[in-house]
Protein backbone atom coordinates (compact mmCIF):
# COMPACT_ATOMS: atom_id res chain seq x y z
CA MET A 1 -12.91 -14.62 -7.39
CA SER A 2 -10.46 -11.87 -6.66
CA TYR A 3 -6.96 -10.97 -7.73
CA VAL A 4 -6.33 -9.12 -4.48
CA SER A 5 -4.36 -11.21 -2.03
CA HIS A 6 -5.42 -10.86 1.59
CA ASN A 7 -1.97 -11.86 2.78
CA LYS A 8 1.42 -12.05 1.24
CA ALA A 9 1.56 -15.78 1.71
CA ASP A 10 -0.44 -16.06 -1.51
CA HIS A 11 2.76 -15.28 -3.40
CA SER A 12 4.54 -18.31 -1.99
CA GLN A 13 4.63 -21.62 -3.78
CA ALA A 14 5.52 -23.53 -0.64
CA ALA A 15 1.92 -24.28 0.25
CA SER A 16 1.48 -26.31 -2.94
CA LEU A 17 4.36 -28.63 -2.16
CA SER A 18 4.19 -31.86 -0.24
CA PRO A 19 6.00 -31.90 3.14
CA THR A 20 8.90 -33.86 1.66
CA SER A 21 9.10 -31.59 -1.35
CA GLN A 22 8.94 -28.55 0.88
CA GLN A 23 11.88 -29.76 2.95
CA LYS A 24 13.91 -30.42 -0.18
CA ALA A 25 12.93 -27.06 -1.64
CA SER A 26 13.81 -25.16 1.51
CA THR A 27 17.12 -26.99 1.86
CA SER A 28 18.07 -26.32 -1.74
CA ALA A 29 17.00 -22.72 -1.34
CA GLU A 30 19.24 -22.31 1.70
CA ASP A 31 22.14 -23.94 -0.14
CA GLU A 32 21.54 -21.70 -3.15
CA LEU A 33 21.43 -18.59 -0.98
CA SER A 34 24.64 -19.60 0.74
CA LYS A 35 26.31 -20.06 -2.65
CA GLN A 36 25.01 -16.73 -3.96
CA PHE A 37 26.20 -14.84 -0.91
CA GLU A 38 29.30 -16.81 -0.04
CA GLY A 39 31.41 -14.84 2.38
CA THR A 40 28.48 -13.01 3.96
CA SER A 41 27.34 -15.87 6.21
CA LEU A 42 28.57 -15.60 9.76
CA LYS A 43 29.98 -18.88 11.04
CA ASP A 44 30.11 -17.63 14.62
CA SER A 45 27.33 -15.14 15.32
CA GLU A 46 28.49 -14.68 18.92
CA GLN A 47 31.53 -12.81 17.68
CA GLN A 48 29.34 -10.23 16.01
CA SER A 49 27.45 -7.45 17.78
CA LYS A 50 23.68 -7.47 17.41
CA THR A 51 23.90 -4.20 15.49
CA GLU A 52 26.30 -5.67 12.95
CA MET A 53 24.18 -8.77 12.66
CA MET A 54 20.95 -6.86 12.03
CA GLU A 55 22.62 -4.73 9.38
CA LYS A 56 23.95 -7.84 7.69
CA ILE A 57 20.55 -9.57 7.78
CA ILE A 58 18.72 -6.56 6.28
CA ASN A 59 21.31 -6.11 3.54
CA PHE A 60 21.26 -9.87 2.97
CA PHE A 61 17.48 -9.64 2.50
CA LYS A 62 17.88 -6.84 -0.01
CA ARG A 63 20.40 -8.74 -2.09
CA ALA A 64 18.42 -11.94 -1.89
CA LEU A 65 15.30 -10.18 -3.14
CA GLN A 66 17.18 -8.62 -6.05
CA ILE A 67 18.51 -11.98 -7.18
CA SER A 68 15.47 -14.09 -6.32
CA LYS A 69 12.91 -11.53 -7.52
CA LYS A 70 10.98 -11.69 -4.23
CA ASP A 71 10.72 -15.49 -4.30
CA VAL A 72 12.55 -15.70 -1.00
CA LYS A 73 11.57 -16.84 2.49
CA PRO A 74 12.65 -14.95 5.62
CA LEU A 75 13.63 -18.03 7.61
CA GLU A 76 15.86 -19.31 4.80
CA VAL A 77 17.59 -15.96 4.40
CA ALA A 78 18.05 -15.37 8.13
CA LYS A 79 19.43 -18.87 8.67
CA ALA A 80 21.80 -18.47 5.73
CA CYS A 81 23.03 -15.22 7.25
CA VAL A 82 23.27 -16.20 10.91
CA GLY A 83 24.69 -19.58 10.00
CA PRO A 84 23.41 -22.78 8.39
CA LYS A 85 23.39 -24.55 11.77
CA ALA A 86 21.78 -21.67 13.67
CA ASN A 87 19.12 -22.75 16.15
CA LYS A 88 15.62 -21.33 16.24
CA SER A 89 16.24 -18.91 19.11
CA SER A 90 19.27 -17.39 17.36
CA VAL A 91 17.23 -16.72 14.23
CA ASN A 92 14.12 -15.50 16.10
CA LYS A 93 16.21 -12.93 17.96
CA TYR A 94 16.44 -10.97 14.72
CA LEU A 95 13.27 -11.99 12.88
CA ASP A 96 11.04 -10.93 15.78
CA PRO A 97 11.81 -7.16 15.62
CA LEU A 98 11.55 -7.35 11.83
CA HIS A 99 8.06 -8.72 12.19
CA ARG A 100 7.06 -6.11 14.76
CA ALA A 101 8.12 -3.39 12.32
CA GLU A 102 6.01 -5.17 9.64
CA ILE A 103 9.09 -5.74 7.50
CA ILE A 104 8.14 -9.40 7.45
CA SER A 105 4.56 -9.99 6.40
CA LYS A 106 1.81 -10.50 8.93
CA THR A 107 1.54 -14.14 7.86
CA PHE A 108 4.67 -14.64 10.00
CA PHE A 109 2.59 -15.98 12.89
CA LYS A 110 -0.13 -17.63 10.84
CA ILE A 111 -0.42 -21.32 11.67
CA THR A 112 -0.78 -23.11 8.37
CA LYS A 113 -2.46 -26.42 7.55
CA ASP A 114 0.08 -27.67 5.03
CA SER A 115 2.35 -29.55 7.46
CA GLN A 116 5.18 -27.07 6.88
CA SER A 117 7.14 -27.02 10.11
CA ASP A 118 7.47 -23.25 10.30
CA PRO A 119 4.95 -20.78 8.86
CA ARG A 120 7.68 -18.26 8.18
CA TYR A 121 8.36 -20.19 5.00
CA ASN A 122 5.06 -18.71 3.81
CA ALA A 123 5.90 -15.12 4.80
CA LEU A 124 7.27 -12.55 2.39
CA PRO A 125 9.56 -9.73 3.48
CA VAL A 126 8.96 -6.10 2.50
CA ILE A 127 12.43 -4.68 2.34
CA GLU A 128 12.39 -2.14 -0.48
CA GLU A 129 11.45 0.85 1.68
CA ILE A 130 13.89 0.15 4.50
CA THR A 131 16.37 2.99 4.95
CA GLU A 132 19.74 2.86 6.65
CA LYS A 133 18.21 4.85 9.50
CA LYS A 134 15.52 2.18 9.92
CA ILE A 135 18.15 -0.57 9.97
CA LYS A 136 19.97 1.11 12.83
CA GLU A 137 16.71 1.64 14.73
CA LEU A 138 15.90 -2.06 14.48
CA ALA A 139 19.42 -3.02 15.45
CA ALA A 140 19.17 -0.76 18.48
CA LYS A 141 15.98 -2.52 19.56
CA VAL A 142 17.72 -5.88 19.46
CA ASN A 143 20.81 -4.51 21.15
CA SER A 144 19.06 -2.62 23.97
CA GLY A 145 17.21 -3.59 27.12
CA SER A 146 17.97 -5.61 30.22
CA LYS A 147 19.36 -9.12 30.24
CA GLU A 148 15.89 -10.43 31.02
CA GLU A 149 14.45 -8.65 27.99
CA LYS A 150 17.25 -9.90 25.77
CA LYS A 151 16.64 -13.39 27.06
CA SER A 152 12.95 -13.12 26.12
CA LEU A 153 13.95 -12.31 22.56
CA ASP A 154 15.86 -15.56 22.42
CA GLN A 155 12.67 -17.55 23.01
CA PRO A 156 11.19 -19.04 19.82
CA VAL A 157 8.23 -16.95 18.65
CA VAL A 158 6.91 -19.87 16.60
CA THR A 159 7.29 -23.49 17.58
CA ASP A 160 7.53 -26.44 15.24
CA LYS A 161 4.19 -27.75 16.49
CA GLU A 162 0.85 -26.23 15.66
CA MET A 163 -0.48 -24.48 18.72
CA SER A 164 -4.17 -24.07 19.51
CA PRO A 165 -4.98 -21.52 22.23
CA CYS A 166 -7.79 -23.76 23.45
CA LYS A 167 -5.33 -26.58 24.07
CA ASN A 168 -2.79 -24.46 25.88
CA GLU A 169 -4.48 -23.10 29.00
CA SER A 170 -1.23 -21.96 30.60
CA ALA A 171 -0.44 -19.77 27.61
CA ALA A 172 -3.95 -18.34 27.62
CA SER A 173 -3.83 -17.56 31.34
CA LYS A 174 -0.44 -15.94 30.93
CA ILE A 175 -1.86 -13.57 28.33
CA ALA A 176 -5.13 -12.77 30.06
CA GLY A 177 -4.02 -13.23 33.70
CA PRO A 178 -3.93 -10.47 36.31
CA GLU A 179 -0.16 -10.12 36.13
CA ASP A 180 -0.29 -8.94 32.54
CA THR A 181 -2.92 -6.30 33.26
CA THR A 182 -0.54 -4.34 35.46
CA ARG A 183 2.74 -4.94 33.69
CA SER A 184 4.11 -2.37 31.23
CA VAL A 185 6.16 -3.89 28.42
CA PRO A 186 8.37 -1.73 26.18
CA THR A 187 7.15 -1.82 22.57
CA ALA A 188 10.45 -3.11 21.26
CA HIS A 189 10.22 -6.21 23.45
CA ALA A 190 6.47 -6.76 23.74
CA PRO A 191 5.85 -10.45 23.03
CA ALA A 192 3.61 -11.46 20.12
CA TYR A 193 1.53 -14.43 21.20
CA PRO A 194 0.08 -17.06 18.88
CA PHE A 195 -3.08 -16.67 20.97
CA SER A 196 -3.74 -13.18 19.58
CA LYS A 197 -6.90 -13.00 17.50
CA GLY A 198 -7.36 -10.87 14.39
CA THR A 199 -4.07 -8.99 14.61
CA HIS A 200 -4.05 -8.75 10.82
CA ASN A 201 -7.05 -6.39 11.09
CA GLN A 202 -5.28 -3.99 13.44
CA LYS A 203 -4.11 -0.65 12.10
CA ASP A 204 -1.28 1.53 13.31
CA VAL A 205 -2.65 4.82 14.59
CA LEU A 206 0.00 6.49 12.43
CA SER A 207 -2.05 5.74 9.31
CA SER A 208 -5.11 7.37 10.88
CA ILE A 209 -3.11 10.48 11.72
CA ALA A 210 -1.74 10.58 8.17
CA ARG A 211 -5.18 10.24 6.59
CA ALA A 212 -6.50 13.02 8.84
CA LYS A 213 -3.69 15.24 7.59
CA VAL A 214 -4.41 14.35 3.96
CA SER A 215 -8.12 15.11 4.41
CA LYS A 216 -7.35 18.81 4.87
CA SER A 217 -5.99 18.91 1.32
CA VAL A 218 -8.84 17.04 -0.40
CA GLY A 219 -11.94 18.73 -1.78
CA LEU A 220 -15.30 18.00 -3.43
CA ILE A 221 -15.54 19.50 -6.94
CA HIS A 222 -18.84 21.05 -8.07
CA ILE A 223 -20.14 22.12 -11.47
CA ASP A 224 -23.10 24.50 -11.30
CA GLY A 225 -23.46 23.57 -7.64
CA GLN A 226 -23.64 19.80 -8.30
CA PRO A 227 -20.89 17.46 -6.96
CA VAL A 228 -18.95 15.75 -9.74
CA GLY A 229 -15.67 14.46 -8.33
CA THR A 230 -12.65 14.85 -6.08
CA GLY A 231 -9.45 16.88 -6.29
CA PHE A 232 -6.45 17.55 -4.06
CA ARG A 233 -4.06 20.42 -3.45
CA VAL A 234 -0.50 20.51 -4.78
CA GLY A 235 2.13 23.21 -5.13
CA GLU A 236 1.54 26.80 -4.07
CA LYS A 237 -1.78 27.38 -5.83
CA TYR A 238 -2.77 24.28 -7.79
CA LEU A 239 -5.27 21.45 -7.65
CA VAL A 240 -5.15 18.16 -9.58
CA THR A 241 -8.03 15.93 -10.63
CA CYS A 242 -9.19 13.80 -13.57
CA ILE A 243 -10.03 15.49 -16.87
CA HIS A 244 -13.34 13.64 -17.16
CA VAL A 245 -14.47 15.22 -13.87
CA ILE A 246 -14.35 18.74 -15.33
CA ARG A 247 -14.84 18.00 -19.04
CA ASN A 248 -18.24 19.71 -19.15
CA VAL A 249 -16.71 23.09 -18.27
CA ILE A 250 -13.75 22.94 -20.65
CA LYS A 251 -14.39 25.60 -23.28
CA VAL A 252 -11.35 25.35 -25.52
CA LYS A 253 -9.30 22.16 -25.35
CA PRO A 254 -6.99 21.89 -23.65
CA HIS A 255 -6.28 25.37 -22.39
CA MET A 256 -9.40 27.12 -21.09
CA LEU A 257 -12.34 26.36 -18.84
CA ASP A 258 -15.39 28.16 -17.53
CA GLY A 259 -14.00 28.90 -14.11
CA GLN A 260 -17.21 30.55 -12.90
CA ARG A 261 -19.17 27.30 -13.12
CA LEU A 262 -16.49 25.26 -11.36
CA THR A 263 -15.86 25.35 -7.59
CA ILE A 264 -14.29 23.13 -4.96
CA GLU A 265 -15.32 22.73 -1.32
CA PHE A 266 -12.58 21.59 1.03
CA TYR A 267 -12.92 19.57 4.19
CA ARG A 268 -16.50 18.44 3.75
CA ILE A 269 -16.51 15.76 6.44
CA THR A 270 -20.16 15.41 7.47
CA TYR A 271 -23.26 14.62 5.44
CA ASN A 272 -25.38 17.58 6.58
CA GLN A 273 -22.50 20.00 6.73
CA LYS A 274 -23.52 23.59 6.03
CA GLU A 275 -21.66 25.44 3.32
CA ASN A 276 -18.77 27.47 4.62
CA GLU A 277 -17.83 30.19 2.17
CA PHE A 278 -14.30 30.24 3.57
CA LEU A 279 -13.80 26.60 2.44
CA ILE A 280 -15.07 27.13 -1.13
CA PHE A 281 -12.71 28.23 -3.90
CA SER A 282 -13.08 28.89 -7.62
CA PHE A 283 -10.56 28.55 -10.47
CA GLN A 284 -8.61 30.62 -12.95
CA PRO A 285 -9.79 30.08 -16.56
CA LEU A 286 -6.36 29.01 -17.84
CA ILE A 287 -5.63 25.28 -17.45
CA ALA A 288 -2.09 24.80 -16.17
CA TYR A 289 -1.57 21.27 -17.56
CA PHE A 290 -3.70 18.80 -19.53
CA ASP A 291 -2.91 15.11 -20.26
CA GLU A 292 -5.58 12.94 -21.88
CA GLU A 293 -3.45 9.77 -21.69
CA TYR A 294 -3.46 9.79 -17.89
CA ASP A 295 -6.79 11.67 -17.58
CA PHE A 296 -4.81 14.17 -15.52
CA VAL A 297 -5.32 17.92 -15.26
CA VAL A 298 -3.72 20.67 -13.18
CA LEU A 299 -5.94 23.65 -12.34
CA GLU A 300 -4.99 26.96 -10.78
CA LEU A 301 -7.04 28.11 -7.82
CA ARG A 302 -8.34 31.66 -7.70
CA SER A 303 -7.44 33.72 -4.65
CA HIS A 304 -10.32 33.88 -2.19
CA ASP A 305 -12.23 37.16 -2.11
CA ALA A 306 -12.01 37.17 1.70
CA GLY A 307 -8.26 36.65 1.61
CA VAL A 308 -8.51 33.11 3.03
CA PRO A 309 -5.32 31.13 2.34
CA PHE A 310 -5.46 27.99 0.24
CA PRO A 311 -5.74 24.70 2.13
CA PRO A 312 -2.39 22.94 2.68
CA ALA A 313 -0.83 21.12 -0.26
CA LEU A 314 0.25 17.48 -0.33
CA ASN A 315 4.01 17.82 -0.67
CA PHE A 316 5.34 14.27 -0.48
CA PHE A 317 5.20 11.67 -3.24
CA ALA A 318 6.56 8.16 -3.75
CA ASP A 319 6.59 5.29 -6.21
CA VAL A 320 3.79 2.79 -5.81
CA PHE A 321 4.82 -0.58 -4.41
CA ASP A 322 3.21 -3.72 -3.06
CA SER A 323 1.82 -2.32 0.18
CA GLU A 324 -1.41 -0.87 1.55
CA ILE A 325 -2.67 2.38 0.02
CA HIS A 326 -5.09 4.69 1.81
CA LEU A 327 -7.65 6.45 -0.40
CA VAL A 328 -9.22 9.73 0.71
CA GLY A 329 -12.02 11.21 -1.37
CA HIS A 330 -15.71 11.87 -1.97
CA PRO A 331 -17.40 8.69 -3.28
CA GLY A 332 -20.99 9.35 -4.26
CA GLY A 333 -20.28 13.09 -4.23
CA ARG A 334 -20.97 13.15 -0.52
CA GLN A 335 -18.90 13.76 2.62
CA MET A 336 -15.27 12.70 2.67
CA LYS A 337 -14.57 8.99 3.07
CA GLU A 338 -11.50 6.80 3.27
CA ASP A 339 -10.68 3.26 2.23
CA SER A 340 -7.56 1.09 2.26
CA ILE A 341 -6.67 -0.99 -0.77
CA LYS A 342 -4.00 -3.40 -1.98
CA PRO A 343 -2.63 -2.37 -5.41
CA ARG A 344 -1.73 -4.64 -8.31
CA TRP A 345 -0.28 -3.81 -11.72
CA SER A 346 1.22 -5.32 -14.83
CA PRO A 347 3.76 -6.76 -15.41
CA ASP A 348 4.80 -7.16 -11.75
CA HIS A 349 1.65 -9.06 -10.78
CA ASP A 350 0.76 -10.73 -14.08
CA LYS A 351 0.59 -14.18 -12.49
CA GLU A 352 -2.29 -12.93 -10.36
CA ILE A 353 -4.12 -10.45 -12.51
CA ILE A 354 -3.91 -11.95 -16.01
CA PRO A 355 -5.95 -15.09 -15.14
CA TYR A 356 -8.39 -12.91 -13.20
CA ILE A 357 -8.80 -10.35 -16.00
CA SER A 358 -9.07 -13.13 -18.61
CA TYR A 359 -11.87 -14.74 -16.63
CA LEU A 360 -13.69 -11.40 -16.30
CA ALA A 361 -13.23 -10.61 -20.00
CA HIS A 362 -14.88 -13.92 -20.95
CA TRP A 363 -17.66 -13.31 -18.44
CA SER A 364 -18.21 -9.77 -19.77
CA LYS A 365 -18.68 -10.93 -23.36
CA SER A 366 -21.26 -13.49 -22.30
CA HIS A 367 -23.02 -11.35 -19.69
CA PHE A 368 -23.67 -7.97 -21.31
CA PRO A 369 -25.95 -7.51 -24.35
CA ASP A 370 -23.28 -5.65 -26.34
CA LYS A 371 -20.91 -8.67 -26.01
CA ARG A 372 -18.02 -6.34 -25.14
CA ASP A 373 -14.86 -7.09 -23.19
CA TYR A 374 -14.81 -4.35 -20.54
CA TYR A 375 -11.75 -5.61 -18.69
CA SER A 376 -8.75 -6.13 -20.98
CA ILE A 377 -8.27 -2.37 -21.09
CA LEU A 378 -6.85 -2.71 -17.56
CA LEU A 379 -3.75 -4.40 -19.01
CA GLU A 380 -3.26 -1.93 -21.86
CA PRO A 381 -0.85 1.02 -21.67
CA PRO A 382 -0.44 3.32 -19.92
CA ARG A 383 0.16 1.36 -16.74
CA LYS A 384 -2.89 1.13 -14.54
CA ILE A 385 -2.79 0.46 -10.81
CA ILE A 386 -5.62 -2.04 -10.20
CA PHE A 387 -7.46 -2.54 -6.93
CA HIS A 388 -10.77 -3.24 -5.23
CA THR A 389 -12.34 -0.41 -3.25
CA THR A 390 -15.65 0.68 -1.77
CA PHE A 391 -15.19 4.03 -3.56
CA ASP A 392 -17.56 4.64 -6.46
CA THR A 393 -18.78 7.50 -8.69
CA GLY A 394 -17.51 10.82 -7.40
CA SER A 395 -14.17 9.50 -6.16
CA SER A 396 -12.32 10.16 -9.44
CA GLY A 397 -9.35 12.36 -8.63
CA SER A 398 -8.93 11.04 -5.09
CA PRO A 399 -5.35 10.69 -3.84
CA GLY A 400 -4.03 7.35 -2.63
CA VAL A 401 -1.27 7.65 -0.05
CA MET A 402 1.27 5.33 1.50
CA ILE A 403 3.04 5.97 4.78
CA ARG A 404 6.77 6.45 4.15
CA ASP A 405 9.16 7.71 6.83
CA ASN A 406 6.09 8.48 8.97
CA ARG A 407 4.71 10.81 6.29
CA PRO A 408 1.77 10.41 3.90
CA CYS A 409 3.12 10.19 0.35
CA VAL A 410 0.79 10.35 -2.65
CA VAL A 411 1.42 7.37 -4.92
CA VAL A 412 -1.73 7.08 -7.03
CA MET A 413 -4.76 9.04 -8.24
CA VAL A 414 -8.09 7.23 -8.61
CA ARG A 415 -9.34 7.20 -12.23
CA GLY A 416 -12.45 5.02 -12.25
CA GLY A 417 -13.76 1.49 -12.54
CA THR A 418 -14.99 -1.14 -14.93
CA PRO A 419 -17.26 -2.57 -16.31
CA SER A 420 -17.89 1.00 -17.42
CA CYS A 421 -21.40 0.10 -18.56
CA PHE A 422 -22.24 -0.73 -14.96
CA TYR A 423 -20.99 2.60 -13.64
CA GLU A 424 -22.90 4.36 -16.43
CA ASN A 425 -26.03 2.40 -15.43
CA ARG A 426 -26.45 1.23 -19.03
CA TYR A 427 -27.85 -2.16 -18.03
CA PRO A 428 -29.48 -1.56 -14.64
CA HIS A 429 -31.30 -4.91 -14.72
CA LEU A 430 -28.08 -6.92 -14.97
CA PRO A 431 -26.38 -7.76 -11.64
CA VAL A 432 -22.62 -7.36 -11.18
CA GLU A 433 -21.00 -9.02 -8.18
CA ASP A 434 -18.52 -6.99 -6.13
CA ASP A 435 -15.52 -9.09 -7.18
CA HIS A 436 -16.44 -8.34 -10.81
CA LYS A 437 -16.15 -4.59 -10.24
CA VAL A 438 -12.54 -3.53 -10.68
CA GLU A 439 -11.22 -0.04 -9.94
CA TYR A 440 -7.98 1.53 -11.08
CA GLY A 441 -5.86 4.65 -11.02
CA TYR A 442 -2.58 6.04 -12.32
CA ALA A 443 0.76 6.12 -10.52
CA MET A 444 1.88 9.64 -9.70
CA SER A 445 5.44 8.65 -10.59
CA ASP A 446 4.35 7.79 -14.16
CA ILE A 447 2.65 11.19 -14.56
CA TYR A 448 5.62 12.99 -13.05
CA HIS A 449 8.17 11.35 -15.35
CA LYS A 450 6.06 12.07 -18.42
CA MET A 451 5.93 15.75 -17.48
CA LEU A 452 9.69 15.82 -16.99
CA GLU A 453 10.16 14.35 -20.47
CA SER A 454 8.15 17.20 -22.04
CA THR A 455 9.89 19.50 -24.50
CA ASN A 456 8.03 22.38 -22.87
CA GLN A 457 10.15 23.89 -20.11
CA ASN A 458 7.07 25.33 -18.42
CA VAL A 459 5.69 21.80 -18.01
CA LYS A 460 8.98 20.61 -16.51
CA ASP A 461 9.00 23.52 -14.07
CA LEU A 462 5.38 22.85 -13.13
CA ALA A 463 6.19 19.18 -12.44
CA SER A 464 9.06 20.17 -10.16
CA GLU A 465 6.75 22.50 -8.22
CA ILE A 466 3.59 20.44 -7.81
CA PHE A 467 5.28 17.13 -7.08
CA GLY A 468 7.32 18.54 -4.22
CA GLU A 469 9.56 15.97 -2.53
CA TRP A 470 9.94 12.32 -3.55
CA ILE A 471 10.59 9.80 -0.78
């Protein structure tokens, strides 16, 4: 059992409806959308340029999501915008580039088993991060190209009938045939075939480039030469991590630490990597900022004796939202690793996580000898970003980044996992299945806003410096 959805279709209620009910629901939804946005529908889409149409569709999506609280289907919205009587090719002309840009979820092309005529009813758009610049880029893609390319966009990308690649040999030969091996297709107009296998597992190379960039700012923290956790660079001379990672070297709470016992090694990327003195830094004894509520601490790096500059800082930050997060850190206290996770938090995802946490809480009280509920803490303040990850002990303090405007933006810091008794190895004889291990972290935006609300001007100034630019 897992609260993490593997596709956004899990948010849709359409799959639970009968075919007749689905048709009624979709029709009423379209009517309701038309009523809510009366005056924005275009009766004659031919009189509008493709640029104007794309802008209207995106803005229509935004407004629909605000009113419908994300319970909205792309096909319904697009049809309401293009026109209630719009045919499939007219709608697909605009939905197709939205899907390619991953603005419509990857379930767009998933052939469902619930008799729904078009699987786009089970797709969920991701519109929040779309900028005006992005809208114009998408509009340009629709509006550019030769007549032949424009004509190909008019072809339905999903038919009303379920299509099996094994039953459609002509489609399969068209994809794999010799003609396609020599033909170059512009990205904006490259067709997406239902035959494609496992496209949901593909990753944009951009995310790999971003994680590689982040890795230069992430380090493995040591106490007395032993690895204890992860930290990452911010500001001109600072590093952030979790308080519990360095608690053993804090001498006077919350202001001083034994900086001689504490070091950090940056860019440890291989298991047998030899120590490089130019990648190891120590710390000033004065703690720059200390927050027990968020288990968050800001430490000042000591200038390197050899005059080596500090590793680059992570300068971009963003609010966490319902999209993939890339973790970069040192699980197990070993070489740097990465993992991608899907975040969930309360109250936005209560329908998913509350039943899951309730089940785990009941299981915990019956499974462990101390009869404790190790899970309900995940729903208690302050807000916790919940996820499943392969990261374990040693990854506390790892940054989680999202790709925004082609840049890696830190959105979360890994705190730990529960059941805590399992991570502490208190009951080593008791098994815990992977879907019963839940990890969490804190949103950087929550930490930032708390620092800004401080009555201490030095804390406010520090927040402005270390959190750089918000995107």
